[in-house]
Amino acid sequence: MARYRGPQSRISRKYGEPLFGPDKVLERKNYPPGQHGSQKRRGKQSEYGIQLNEKQKAKYTYGILEKQFSNLFKEALRRKGITGEVLLQLCETRLDNIIFRCGIAPTRRAARQLVVHKHIMLNDKICNVPSASLKPGDVVTVREKSKSLETIQSSITNNIQSHDWIEWNGDKMSGTVKALPNRDQIPENIKEQLIVEIYSK
């Protein structure tokens, strides 16, 4: 299964945002990595460079590599609506992201691991595909024998996020997708129009 395995703090410092979750290194070194990171870069970044940065940032945020992300964009083009917003909806409704949004896992990478290790059920069936696309009405649940796992218990206890488009049932440890999220319900700092522009060239 394809996923980014490189240094996380380095990427977060490059974009100046904690893309992989809370990052103490980013708080301590809030400047780009490398020998000249703390110095102001010379020259103006090109339009293509700005668009590429935004696409890379979105891919790192959701833990998706280029081929998958390109396929998601093609799917977004086929669907009705604003392409950029539909693209983010497709990213948000991936199974690993839903697990993260529900608070079952502290990060998307941790959510992916829970799915791969078969701790999660989708519509009462075990699903070990992190990229599975959910639709309104779908229900994700923690497997009965996995509910006592310390990592899951800790994540749910410390979870402070809530989302209008997901209904969380703490007693059953399950989350239901009520609707596709609108752009203002997606907190990620991503300029999706720039991504559309780079793929449209």
N, C-alpha and C. Protein backbone atom coordinates (compact mmCIF):
# COMPACT_ATOMS: atom_id res chain seq x y z
N MET A 1 0.83 -1.20 0.00
CA MET A 1 0.00 0.00 0.00
C MET A 1 0.87 1.26 0.00
N ALA A 2 0.52 2.19 -0.85
CA ALA A 2 1.33 3.40 -1.00
C ALA A 2 1.04 4.41 0.11
N ARG A 3 2.11 4.91 0.70
CA ARG A 3 1.97 5.98 1.68
C ARG A 3 3.31 6.66 1.86
N TYR A 4 3.28 7.89 2.33
CA TYR A 4 4.52 8.63 2.55
C TYR A 4 5.20 8.12 3.81
N ARG A 5 6.49 7.77 3.71
CA ARG A 5 7.23 7.21 4.85
C ARG A 5 8.38 8.11 5.29
N GLY A 6 8.51 9.27 4.68
CA GLY A 6 9.64 10.14 4.97
C GLY A 6 9.46 10.95 6.25
N PRO A 7 10.40 11.88 6.50
CA PRO A 7 10.35 12.70 7.72
C PRO A 7 9.16 13.65 7.72
N GLN A 8 8.39 13.63 8.80
CA GLN A 8 7.16 14.43 8.87
C GLN A 8 7.43 15.87 9.27
N SER A 9 8.26 16.06 10.28
CA SER A 9 8.51 17.42 10.78
C SER A 9 9.14 18.29 9.69
N ARG A 10 9.99 17.69 8.87
CA ARG A 10 10.64 18.42 7.80
C ARG A 10 9.61 18.97 6.80
N ILE A 11 8.62 18.13 6.47
CA ILE A 11 7.56 18.56 5.56
C ILE A 11 6.70 19.65 6.20
N SER A 12 6.35 19.47 7.47
CA SER A 12 5.54 20.46 8.18
C SER A 12 6.27 21.80 8.24
N ARG A 13 7.59 21.77 8.47
CA ARG A 13 8.37 23.01 8.51
C ARG A 13 8.42 23.67 7.14
N LYS A 14 8.46 22.86 6.10
CA LYS A 14 8.51 23.40 4.73
C LYS A 14 7.28 24.23 4.43
N TYR A 15 6.11 23.75 4.88
CA TYR A 15 4.85 24.46 4.60
C TYR A 15 4.39 25.34 5.75
N GLY A 16 5.09 25.27 6.87
CA GLY A 16 4.76 26.13 8.00
C GLY A 16 3.48 25.76 8.70
N GLU A 17 3.04 24.52 8.54
CA GLU A 17 1.79 24.05 9.16
C GLU A 17 1.98 22.62 9.66
N PRO A 18 1.32 22.26 10.78
CA PRO A 18 1.42 20.89 11.29
C PRO A 18 0.55 19.93 10.47
N LEU A 19 1.02 19.53 9.30
CA LEU A 19 0.23 18.73 8.36
C LEU A 19 -0.08 17.32 8.88
N PHE A 20 0.78 16.81 9.77
CA PHE A 20 0.61 15.43 10.24
C PHE A 20 0.11 15.37 11.69
N GLY A 21 -0.39 16.47 12.20
CA GLY A 21 -0.82 16.52 13.60
C GLY A 21 0.11 17.40 14.42
N PRO A 22 -0.14 17.56 15.71
CA PRO A 22 0.69 18.41 16.58
C PRO A 22 2.17 18.07 16.44
N ASP A 23 3.00 19.10 16.30
CA ASP A 23 4.42 18.88 16.03
C ASP A 23 5.26 19.83 16.89
N LYS A 24 5.97 19.27 17.87
CA LYS A 24 6.80 20.08 18.76
C LYS A 24 8.00 20.68 18.04
N VAL A 25 8.50 19.96 17.03
CA VAL A 25 9.65 20.46 16.26
C VAL A 25 9.26 21.72 15.50
N LEU A 26 8.05 21.73 14.92
CA LEU A 26 7.57 22.89 14.18
C LEU A 26 7.41 24.09 15.10
N GLU A 27 6.95 23.84 16.33
CA GLU A 27 6.79 24.94 17.30
C GLU A 27 8.14 25.54 17.66
N ARG A 28 9.15 24.69 17.74
CA ARG A 28 10.48 25.14 18.13
C ARG A 28 11.25 25.76 16.96
N LYS A 29 11.06 25.20 15.78
CA LYS A 29 11.76 25.68 14.57
C LYS A 29 10.72 26.05 13.51
N ASN A 30 10.13 27.20 13.67
CA ASN A 30 9.06 27.61 12.74
C ASN A 30 9.62 28.31 11.50
N TYR A 31 10.61 27.68 10.89
CA TYR A 31 11.18 28.18 9.64
C TYR A 31 11.50 26.96 8.77
N PRO A 32 11.66 27.15 7.45
CA PRO A 32 11.88 26.00 6.55
C PRO A 32 13.13 25.21 6.91
N PRO A 33 13.18 23.92 6.56
CA PRO A 33 14.34 23.09 6.86
C PRO A 33 15.51 23.41 5.94
N GLY A 34 16.67 22.89 6.27
CA GLY A 34 17.85 23.07 5.42
C GLY A 34 18.81 24.09 5.98
N GLN A 35 19.99 24.14 5.38
CA GLN A 35 21.06 25.00 5.86
C GLN A 35 20.68 26.48 5.85
N HIS A 36 19.89 26.88 4.86
CA HIS A 36 19.53 28.29 4.72
C HIS A 36 18.06 28.54 5.06
N GLY A 37 17.47 27.61 5.82
CA GLY A 37 16.05 27.70 6.10
C GLY A 37 15.60 28.97 6.80
N SER A 38 16.42 29.44 7.73
CA SER A 38 16.00 30.60 8.52
C SER A 38 16.24 31.92 7.79
N GLN A 39 16.91 31.85 6.64
CA GLN A 39 17.18 33.07 5.88
C GLN A 39 16.08 33.28 4.84
N LYS A 40 15.83 34.53 4.54
CA LYS A 40 14.80 34.86 3.55
C LYS A 40 15.24 34.39 2.17
N ARG A 41 14.35 33.69 1.47
CA ARG A 41 14.69 33.18 0.15
C ARG A 41 14.70 34.30 -0.89
N ARG A 42 15.66 34.20 -1.78
CA ARG A 42 15.75 35.20 -2.83
C ARG A 42 14.81 34.84 -3.98
N GLY A 43 14.35 35.86 -4.69
CA GLY A 43 13.54 35.61 -5.87
C GLY A 43 12.09 35.36 -5.52
N LYS A 44 11.24 35.59 -6.48
CA LYS A 44 9.81 35.40 -6.30
C LYS A 44 9.41 34.02 -6.82
N GLN A 45 8.57 33.36 -6.07
CA GLN A 45 8.12 32.02 -6.48
C GLN A 45 7.19 32.13 -7.69
N SER A 46 7.35 31.23 -8.66
CA SER A 46 6.52 31.28 -9.86
C SER A 46 5.09 30.85 -9.56
N GLU A 47 4.21 31.15 -10.49
CA GLU A 47 2.80 30.76 -10.34
C GLU A 47 2.68 29.24 -10.27
N TYR A 48 3.45 28.56 -11.12
CA TYR A 48 3.44 27.09 -11.11
C TYR A 48 3.94 26.56 -9.77
N GLY A 49 4.98 27.19 -9.22
CA GLY A 49 5.52 26.77 -7.94
C GLY A 49 4.51 26.88 -6.82
N ILE A 50 3.72 27.96 -6.84
CA ILE A 50 2.69 28.17 -5.82
C ILE A 50 1.61 27.09 -5.94
N GLN A 51 1.20 26.80 -7.19
CA GLN A 51 0.17 25.78 -7.42
C GLN A 51 0.67 24.40 -7.00
N LEU A 52 1.93 24.09 -7.35
CA LEU A 52 2.51 22.80 -6.99
C LEU A 52 2.60 22.63 -5.48
N ASN A 53 3.00 23.67 -4.78
CA ASN A 53 3.08 23.64 -3.32
C ASN A 53 1.73 23.31 -2.70
N GLU A 54 0.67 23.90 -3.24
CA GLU A 54 -0.68 23.68 -2.70
C GLU A 54 -1.11 22.24 -2.91
N LYS A 55 -0.79 21.70 -4.09
CA LYS A 55 -1.14 20.30 -4.38
C LYS A 55 -0.37 19.37 -3.45
N GLN A 56 0.92 19.61 -3.29
CA GLN A 56 1.74 18.77 -2.42
C GLN A 56 1.25 18.83 -0.98
N LYS A 57 0.87 20.03 -0.56
CA LYS A 57 0.38 20.20 0.81
C LYS A 57 -0.89 19.37 1.04
N ALA A 58 -1.79 19.38 0.06
CA ALA A 58 -3.04 18.61 0.18
C ALA A 58 -2.74 17.12 0.23
N LYS A 59 -1.80 16.67 -0.60
CA LYS A 59 -1.44 15.24 -0.63
C LYS A 59 -0.84 14.79 0.70
N TYR A 60 0.05 15.61 1.25
CA TYR A 60 0.65 15.25 2.55
C TYR A 60 -0.40 15.27 3.66
N THR A 61 -1.30 16.26 3.61
CA THR A 61 -2.32 16.39 4.64
C THR A 61 -3.19 15.14 4.74
N TYR A 62 -3.64 14.65 3.58
CA TYR A 62 -4.54 13.49 3.57
C TYR A 62 -3.82 12.15 3.41
N GLY A 63 -2.49 12.19 3.28
CA GLY A 63 -1.74 10.95 3.16
C GLY A 63 -2.00 10.21 1.86
N ILE A 64 -2.07 10.96 0.75
CA ILE A 64 -2.36 10.37 -0.56
C ILE A 64 -1.18 10.63 -1.49
N LEU A 65 -0.78 9.62 -2.24
CA LEU A 65 0.30 9.80 -3.21
C LEU A 65 -0.26 10.25 -4.56
N GLU A 66 0.64 10.56 -5.50
CA GLU A 66 0.24 11.25 -6.73
C GLU A 66 -0.82 10.52 -7.56
N LYS A 67 -0.65 9.22 -7.78
CA LYS A 67 -1.59 8.52 -8.66
C LYS A 67 -3.00 8.52 -8.09
N GLN A 68 -3.11 8.24 -6.80
CA GLN A 68 -4.43 8.26 -6.15
C GLN A 68 -5.05 9.65 -6.21
N PHE A 69 -4.21 10.66 -5.95
CA PHE A 69 -4.72 12.03 -5.92
C PHE A 69 -5.18 12.45 -7.32
N SER A 70 -4.43 12.04 -8.33
CA SER A 70 -4.81 12.33 -9.71
C SER A 70 -6.13 11.66 -10.07
N ASN A 71 -6.31 10.42 -9.61
CA ASN A 71 -7.58 9.71 -9.85
C ASN A 71 -8.75 10.40 -9.15
N LEU A 72 -8.48 10.91 -7.94
CA LEU A 72 -9.53 11.64 -7.22
C LEU A 72 -9.93 12.90 -7.98
N PHE A 73 -8.94 13.58 -8.57
CA PHE A 73 -9.24 14.79 -9.34
C PHE A 73 -10.09 14.45 -10.57
N LYS A 74 -9.76 13.34 -11.25
CA LYS A 74 -10.55 12.92 -12.42
C LYS A 74 -11.99 12.60 -12.01
N GLU A 75 -12.13 11.98 -10.84
CA GLU A 75 -13.48 11.68 -10.33
C GLU A 75 -14.23 12.97 -10.00
N ALA A 76 -13.52 13.94 -9.43
CA ALA A 76 -14.13 15.23 -9.09
C ALA A 76 -14.61 15.96 -10.36
N LEU A 77 -13.84 15.82 -11.45
CA LEU A 77 -14.23 16.44 -12.73
C LEU A 77 -15.53 15.84 -13.25
N ARG A 78 -15.70 14.54 -13.04
CA ARG A 78 -16.90 13.85 -13.55
C ARG A 78 -18.16 14.22 -12.78
N ARG A 79 -17.99 14.58 -11.52
CA ARG A 79 -19.16 14.85 -10.68
C ARG A 79 -19.65 16.29 -10.83
N LYS A 80 -20.91 16.48 -10.49
CA LYS A 80 -21.50 17.83 -10.54
C LYS A 80 -20.96 18.65 -9.37
N GLY A 81 -20.91 19.96 -9.58
CA GLY A 81 -20.47 20.86 -8.51
C GLY A 81 -19.14 21.51 -8.84
N ILE A 82 -18.63 22.29 -7.89
CA ILE A 82 -17.35 22.97 -8.06
C ILE A 82 -16.24 21.94 -7.89
N THR A 83 -15.42 21.80 -8.91
CA THR A 83 -14.41 20.72 -8.93
C THR A 83 -13.52 20.71 -7.69
N GLY A 84 -13.02 21.88 -7.30
CA GLY A 84 -12.13 21.95 -6.14
C GLY A 84 -12.82 21.50 -4.86
N GLU A 85 -14.07 21.92 -4.69
CA GLU A 85 -14.81 21.54 -3.48
C GLU A 85 -15.13 20.05 -3.49
N VAL A 86 -15.48 19.52 -4.66
CA VAL A 86 -15.77 18.08 -4.78
C VAL A 86 -14.52 17.27 -4.49
N LEU A 87 -13.36 17.76 -4.94
CA LEU A 87 -12.09 17.07 -4.67
C LEU A 87 -11.84 16.95 -3.18
N LEU A 88 -12.06 18.04 -2.44
CA LEU A 88 -11.87 18.01 -0.99
C LEU A 88 -12.89 17.09 -0.32
N GLN A 89 -14.12 17.06 -0.85
CA GLN A 89 -15.14 16.15 -0.31
C GLN A 89 -14.71 14.70 -0.47
N LEU A 90 -14.13 14.38 -1.63
CA LEU A 90 -13.64 13.01 -1.87
C LEU A 90 -12.51 12.65 -0.90
N CYS A 91 -11.65 13.62 -0.61
CA CYS A 91 -10.57 13.39 0.37
C CYS A 91 -11.14 13.22 1.77
N GLU A 92 -12.13 14.03 2.11
CA GLU A 92 -12.70 14.00 3.45
C GLU A 92 -13.50 12.73 3.72
N THR A 93 -14.09 12.14 2.68
CA THR A 93 -14.94 10.96 2.88
C THR A 93 -14.18 9.65 2.72
N ARG A 94 -12.85 9.71 2.66
CA ARG A 94 -12.05 8.48 2.74
C ARG A 94 -12.21 7.87 4.14
N LEU A 95 -12.16 6.57 4.23
CA LEU A 95 -12.37 5.90 5.51
C LEU A 95 -11.37 6.35 6.57
N ASP A 96 -10.08 6.45 6.20
CA ASP A 96 -9.08 6.84 7.21
C ASP A 96 -9.34 8.25 7.73
N ASN A 97 -9.81 9.15 6.86
CA ASN A 97 -10.09 10.51 7.31
C ASN A 97 -11.31 10.57 8.21
N ILE A 98 -12.33 9.76 7.91
CA ILE A 98 -13.54 9.71 8.75
C ILE A 98 -13.18 9.22 10.16
N ILE A 99 -12.31 8.21 10.23
CA ILE A 99 -11.86 7.69 11.53
C ILE A 99 -11.17 8.81 12.32
N PHE A 100 -10.34 9.58 11.63
CA PHE A 100 -9.65 10.72 12.25
C PHE A 100 -10.65 11.78 12.70
N ARG A 101 -11.60 12.12 11.85
CA ARG A 101 -12.59 13.14 12.18
C ARG A 101 -13.48 12.73 13.36
N CYS A 102 -13.75 11.44 13.47
CA CYS A 102 -14.56 10.95 14.59
C CYS A 102 -13.80 11.00 15.91
N GLY A 103 -12.48 11.09 15.83
CA GLY A 103 -11.67 11.12 17.05
C GLY A 103 -11.23 9.75 17.51
N ILE A 104 -11.46 8.72 16.68
CA ILE A 104 -11.05 7.36 17.04
C ILE A 104 -9.53 7.24 17.01
N ALA A 105 -8.90 8.05 16.17
CA ALA A 105 -7.44 8.07 16.07
C ALA A 105 -6.97 9.53 16.13
N PRO A 106 -5.79 9.79 16.72
CA PRO A 106 -5.31 11.16 16.87
C PRO A 106 -4.81 11.80 15.58
N THR A 107 -4.40 10.97 14.60
CA THR A 107 -3.89 11.47 13.32
C THR A 107 -4.42 10.59 12.20
N ARG A 108 -4.29 11.07 10.98
CA ARG A 108 -4.74 10.26 9.83
C ARG A 108 -3.85 9.03 9.66
N ARG A 109 -2.57 9.17 9.96
CA ARG A 109 -1.66 8.02 9.84
C ARG A 109 -2.05 6.94 10.86
N ALA A 110 -2.41 7.34 12.06
CA ALA A 110 -2.85 6.38 13.09
C ALA A 110 -4.18 5.74 12.67
N ALA A 111 -5.05 6.55 12.05
CA ALA A 111 -6.34 6.04 11.57
C ALA A 111 -6.13 4.98 10.50
N ARG A 112 -5.18 5.26 9.61
CA ARG A 112 -4.86 4.31 8.54
C ARG A 112 -4.39 2.98 9.12
N GLN A 113 -3.58 3.06 10.17
CA GLN A 113 -3.07 1.84 10.79
C GLN A 113 -4.20 1.03 11.43
N LEU A 114 -5.14 1.71 12.08
CA LEU A 114 -6.28 1.02 12.69
C LEU A 114 -7.09 0.28 11.63
N VAL A 115 -7.27 0.92 10.48
CA VAL A 115 -8.05 0.30 9.40
C VAL A 115 -7.32 -0.92 8.85
N VAL A 116 -6.03 -0.76 8.56
CA VAL A 116 -5.23 -1.86 7.98
C VAL A 116 -5.17 -3.05 8.93
N HIS A 117 -5.14 -2.78 10.23
CA HIS A 117 -5.06 -3.87 11.22
C HIS A 117 -6.43 -4.42 11.61
N LYS A 118 -7.45 -4.04 10.86
CA LYS A 118 -8.81 -4.60 10.97
C LYS A 118 -9.47 -4.32 12.33
N HIS A 119 -9.26 -3.11 12.84
CA HIS A 119 -9.93 -2.72 14.07
C HIS A 119 -11.24 -1.97 13.78
N ILE A 120 -11.50 -1.70 12.50
CA ILE A 120 -12.63 -0.86 12.12
C ILE A 120 -13.63 -1.62 11.26
N MET A 121 -14.91 -1.36 11.49
CA MET A 121 -15.97 -1.96 10.68
C MET A 121 -16.71 -0.86 9.92
N LEU A 122 -17.02 -1.14 8.67
CA LEU A 122 -17.80 -0.22 7.84
C LEU A 122 -19.11 -0.90 7.50
N ASN A 123 -20.20 -0.31 7.97
CA ASN A 123 -21.54 -0.89 7.78
C ASN A 123 -21.59 -2.35 8.25
N ASP A 124 -21.04 -2.58 9.46
CA ASP A 124 -21.06 -3.89 10.14
C ASP A 124 -20.19 -4.95 9.48
N LYS A 125 -19.30 -4.53 8.58
CA LYS A 125 -18.35 -5.48 7.98
C LYS A 125 -16.93 -4.94 8.16
N ILE A 126 -16.01 -5.84 8.46
CA ILE A 126 -14.61 -5.41 8.62
C ILE A 126 -14.10 -4.86 7.29
N CYS A 127 -13.48 -3.68 7.35
CA CYS A 127 -12.91 -3.07 6.16
C CYS A 127 -11.47 -2.68 6.45
N ASN A 128 -10.54 -3.15 5.64
CA ASN A 128 -9.12 -2.84 5.87
C ASN A 128 -8.55 -2.02 4.71
N VAL A 129 -9.41 -1.25 4.05
CA VAL A 129 -8.99 -0.40 2.93
C VAL A 129 -9.12 1.07 3.34
N PRO A 130 -8.00 1.73 3.69
CA PRO A 130 -8.06 3.12 4.17
C PRO A 130 -8.66 4.10 3.17
N SER A 131 -8.52 3.79 1.87
CA SER A 131 -9.01 4.72 0.84
C SER A 131 -10.47 4.50 0.47
N ALA A 132 -11.15 3.56 1.15
CA ALA A 132 -12.56 3.30 0.85
C ALA A 132 -13.36 4.60 0.93
N SER A 133 -14.19 4.84 -0.07
CA SER A 133 -14.96 6.08 -0.13
C SER A 133 -16.33 5.89 0.52
N LEU A 134 -16.65 6.76 1.47
CA LEU A 134 -17.93 6.66 2.16
C LEU A 134 -18.94 7.63 1.57
N LYS A 135 -20.21 7.32 1.78
CA LYS A 135 -21.29 8.19 1.32
C LYS A 135 -22.26 8.43 2.47
N PRO A 136 -23.15 9.42 2.36
CA PRO A 136 -24.10 9.68 3.44
C PRO A 136 -24.89 8.42 3.81
N GLY A 137 -24.97 8.16 5.12
CA GLY A 137 -25.67 6.98 5.61
C GLY A 137 -24.73 5.87 6.04
N ASP A 138 -23.47 5.93 5.59
CA ASP A 138 -22.50 4.90 5.97
C ASP A 138 -22.10 5.06 7.45
N VAL A 139 -21.87 3.92 8.09
CA VAL A 139 -21.54 3.92 9.52
C VAL A 139 -20.21 3.23 9.76
N VAL A 140 -19.31 3.90 10.47
CA VAL A 140 -18.03 3.28 10.85
C VAL A 140 -18.07 2.98 12.36
N THR A 141 -17.60 1.82 12.72
CA THR A 141 -17.65 1.38 14.12
C THR A 141 -16.33 0.72 14.50
N VAL A 142 -15.96 0.90 15.76
CA VAL A 142 -14.78 0.19 16.28
C VAL A 142 -15.22 -1.25 16.58
N ARG A 143 -14.42 -2.22 16.15
CA ARG A 143 -14.74 -3.62 16.42
C ARG A 143 -14.88 -3.86 17.92
N GLU A 144 -15.76 -4.76 18.28
CA GLU A 144 -16.05 -5.01 19.69
C GLU A 144 -14.79 -5.35 20.48
N LYS A 145 -13.95 -6.22 19.92
CA LYS A 145 -12.75 -6.65 20.65
C LYS A 145 -11.64 -5.59 20.65
N SER A 146 -11.84 -4.53 19.85
CA SER A 146 -10.83 -3.47 19.77
C SER A 146 -11.19 -2.25 20.61
N LYS A 147 -12.40 -2.22 21.17
CA LYS A 147 -12.87 -1.03 21.90
C LYS A 147 -12.05 -0.73 23.14
N SER A 148 -11.39 -1.74 23.69
CA SER A 148 -10.61 -1.54 24.91
C SER A 148 -9.17 -1.14 24.63
N LEU A 149 -8.79 -1.04 23.37
CA LEU A 149 -7.41 -0.65 23.03
C LEU A 149 -7.08 0.72 23.63
N GLU A 150 -5.92 0.80 24.25
CA GLU A 150 -5.53 2.04 24.94
C GLU A 150 -5.43 3.23 23.98
N THR A 151 -4.91 2.99 22.78
CA THR A 151 -4.76 4.09 21.81
C THR A 151 -6.11 4.66 21.40
N ILE A 152 -7.10 3.80 21.21
CA ILE A 152 -8.44 4.25 20.82
C ILE A 152 -9.11 4.97 21.98
N GLN A 153 -9.03 4.38 23.17
CA GLN A 153 -9.64 5.00 24.36
C GLN A 153 -9.04 6.38 24.62
N SER A 154 -7.72 6.48 24.52
CA SER A 154 -7.03 7.74 24.77
C SER A 154 -7.42 8.79 23.74
N SER A 155 -7.49 8.39 22.48
CA SER A 155 -7.83 9.33 21.41
C SER A 155 -9.25 9.87 21.57
N ILE A 156 -10.19 8.98 21.89
CA ILE A 156 -11.59 9.41 22.06
C ILE A 156 -11.72 10.33 23.27
N THR A 157 -11.01 10.02 24.35
CA THR A 157 -11.06 10.84 25.56
C THR A 157 -10.52 12.24 25.32
N ASN A 158 -9.44 12.33 24.55
CA ASN A 158 -8.79 13.62 24.30
C ASN A 158 -9.34 14.37 23.09
N ASN A 159 -10.30 13.77 22.41
CA ASN A 159 -10.83 14.39 21.20
C ASN A 159 -11.67 15.63 21.53
N ILE A 160 -11.34 16.74 20.88
CA ILE A 160 -12.09 17.98 21.12
C ILE A 160 -12.79 18.47 19.85
N GLN A 161 -12.56 17.79 18.73
CA GLN A 161 -13.16 18.25 17.49
C GLN A 161 -14.55 17.64 17.30
N SER A 162 -15.43 18.39 16.67
CA SER A 162 -16.76 17.88 16.30
C SER A 162 -17.11 18.45 14.94
N HIS A 163 -17.86 17.68 14.18
CA HIS A 163 -18.19 18.08 12.82
C HIS A 163 -19.68 17.86 12.55
N ASP A 164 -20.31 18.87 11.98
CA ASP A 164 -21.76 18.83 11.76
C ASP A 164 -22.18 17.71 10.82
N TRP A 165 -21.30 17.34 9.91
CA TRP A 165 -21.68 16.36 8.90
C TRP A 165 -21.43 14.91 9.33
N ILE A 166 -20.87 14.75 10.54
CA ILE A 166 -20.66 13.40 11.09
C ILE A 166 -21.36 13.31 12.46
N GLU A 167 -22.14 12.27 12.66
CA GLU A 167 -22.81 12.06 13.95
C GLU A 167 -22.05 10.99 14.73
N TRP A 168 -21.54 11.36 15.90
CA TRP A 168 -20.74 10.44 16.71
C TRP A 168 -21.55 9.88 17.86
N ASN A 169 -21.53 8.57 18.03
CA ASN A 169 -22.20 7.91 19.14
C ASN A 169 -21.13 7.31 20.05
N GLY A 170 -20.90 7.97 21.17
CA GLY A 170 -19.84 7.55 22.08
C GLY A 170 -20.10 6.20 22.73
N ASP A 171 -21.35 5.88 22.99
CA ASP A 171 -21.68 4.61 23.64
C ASP A 171 -21.36 3.42 22.73
N LYS A 172 -21.68 3.58 21.45
CA LYS A 172 -21.44 2.49 20.50
C LYS A 172 -20.08 2.61 19.82
N MET A 173 -19.38 3.71 20.08
CA MET A 173 -18.12 4.02 19.39
C MET A 173 -18.31 3.93 17.88
N SER A 174 -19.30 4.64 17.39
CA SER A 174 -19.58 4.61 15.96
C SER A 174 -19.85 6.02 15.45
N GLY A 175 -19.54 6.24 14.19
CA GLY A 175 -19.79 7.52 13.55
C GLY A 175 -20.58 7.32 12.28
N THR A 176 -21.56 8.19 12.04
CA THR A 176 -22.40 8.09 10.85
C THR A 176 -22.19 9.33 9.98
N VAL A 177 -21.94 9.10 8.69
CA VAL A 177 -21.81 10.21 7.75
C VAL A 177 -23.21 10.72 7.43
N LYS A 178 -23.54 11.92 7.90
CA LYS A 178 -24.88 12.47 7.67
C LYS A 178 -25.02 13.11 6.30
N ALA A 179 -23.95 13.74 5.83
CA ALA A 179 -23.97 14.42 4.54
C ALA A 179 -22.55 14.67 4.07
N LEU A 180 -22.40 15.05 2.82
CA LEU A 180 -21.08 15.45 2.33
C LEU A 180 -20.76 16.83 2.90
N PRO A 181 -19.52 17.07 3.32
CA PRO A 181 -19.20 18.36 3.94
C PRO A 181 -19.17 19.50 2.93
N ASN A 182 -19.66 20.66 3.35
CA ASN A 182 -19.50 21.88 2.55
C ASN A 182 -18.08 22.39 2.75
N ARG A 183 -17.67 23.30 1.89
CA ARG A 183 -16.28 23.81 2.00
C ARG A 183 -16.02 24.47 3.35
N ASP A 184 -17.02 25.19 3.88
CA ASP A 184 -16.80 25.88 5.16
C ASP A 184 -16.78 24.90 6.34
N GLN A 185 -17.12 23.63 6.10
CA GLN A 185 -17.06 22.62 7.17
C GLN A 185 -15.74 21.85 7.14
N ILE A 186 -14.89 22.17 6.18
CA ILE A 186 -13.58 21.51 6.08
C ILE A 186 -12.52 22.48 6.60
N PRO A 187 -11.94 22.22 7.76
CA PRO A 187 -11.03 23.19 8.41
C PRO A 187 -9.64 23.29 7.78
N GLU A 188 -9.30 22.37 6.88
CA GLU A 188 -7.95 22.35 6.31
C GLU A 188 -7.65 23.63 5.53
N ASN A 189 -6.44 24.16 5.72
CA ASN A 189 -6.01 25.39 5.04
C ASN A 189 -5.45 25.04 3.65
N ILE A 190 -6.36 24.73 2.74
CA ILE A 190 -5.97 24.33 1.38
C ILE A 190 -6.71 25.21 0.37
N LYS A 191 -5.96 25.79 -0.55
CA LYS A 191 -6.56 26.60 -1.62
C LYS A 191 -6.81 25.67 -2.81
N GLU A 192 -7.98 25.04 -2.81
CA GLU A 192 -8.28 24.01 -3.80
C GLU A 192 -8.29 24.52 -5.25
N GLN A 193 -8.56 25.81 -5.44
CA GLN A 193 -8.60 26.35 -6.80
C GLN A 193 -7.22 26.26 -7.47
N LEU A 194 -6.16 26.42 -6.67
CA LEU A 194 -4.81 26.30 -7.22
C LEU A 194 -4.52 24.88 -7.69
N ILE A 195 -5.09 23.90 -6.99
CA ILE A 195 -4.91 22.50 -7.38
C ILE A 195 -5.63 22.23 -8.70
N VAL A 196 -6.83 22.80 -8.83
CA VAL A 196 -7.59 22.65 -10.07
C VAL A 196 -6.81 23.25 -11.23
N GLU A 197 -6.20 24.39 -10.99
CA GLU A 197 -5.45 25.08 -12.04
C GLU A 197 -4.25 24.27 -12.53
N ILE A 198 -3.53 23.66 -11.58
CA ILE A 198 -2.33 22.91 -11.98
C ILE A 198 -2.69 21.64 -12.75
N TYR A 199 -3.81 20.99 -12.40
CA TYR A 199 -4.23 19.80 -13.12
C TYR A 199 -4.89 20.14 -14.47
N SER A 200 -5.32 21.38 -14.62
CA SER A 200 -6.00 21.79 -15.84
C SER A 200 -5.04 22.24 -16.93
N LYS A 201 -3.72 22.28 -16.62
CA LYS A 201 -2.76 22.76 -17.60
C LYS A 201 -2.48 21.71 -18.67
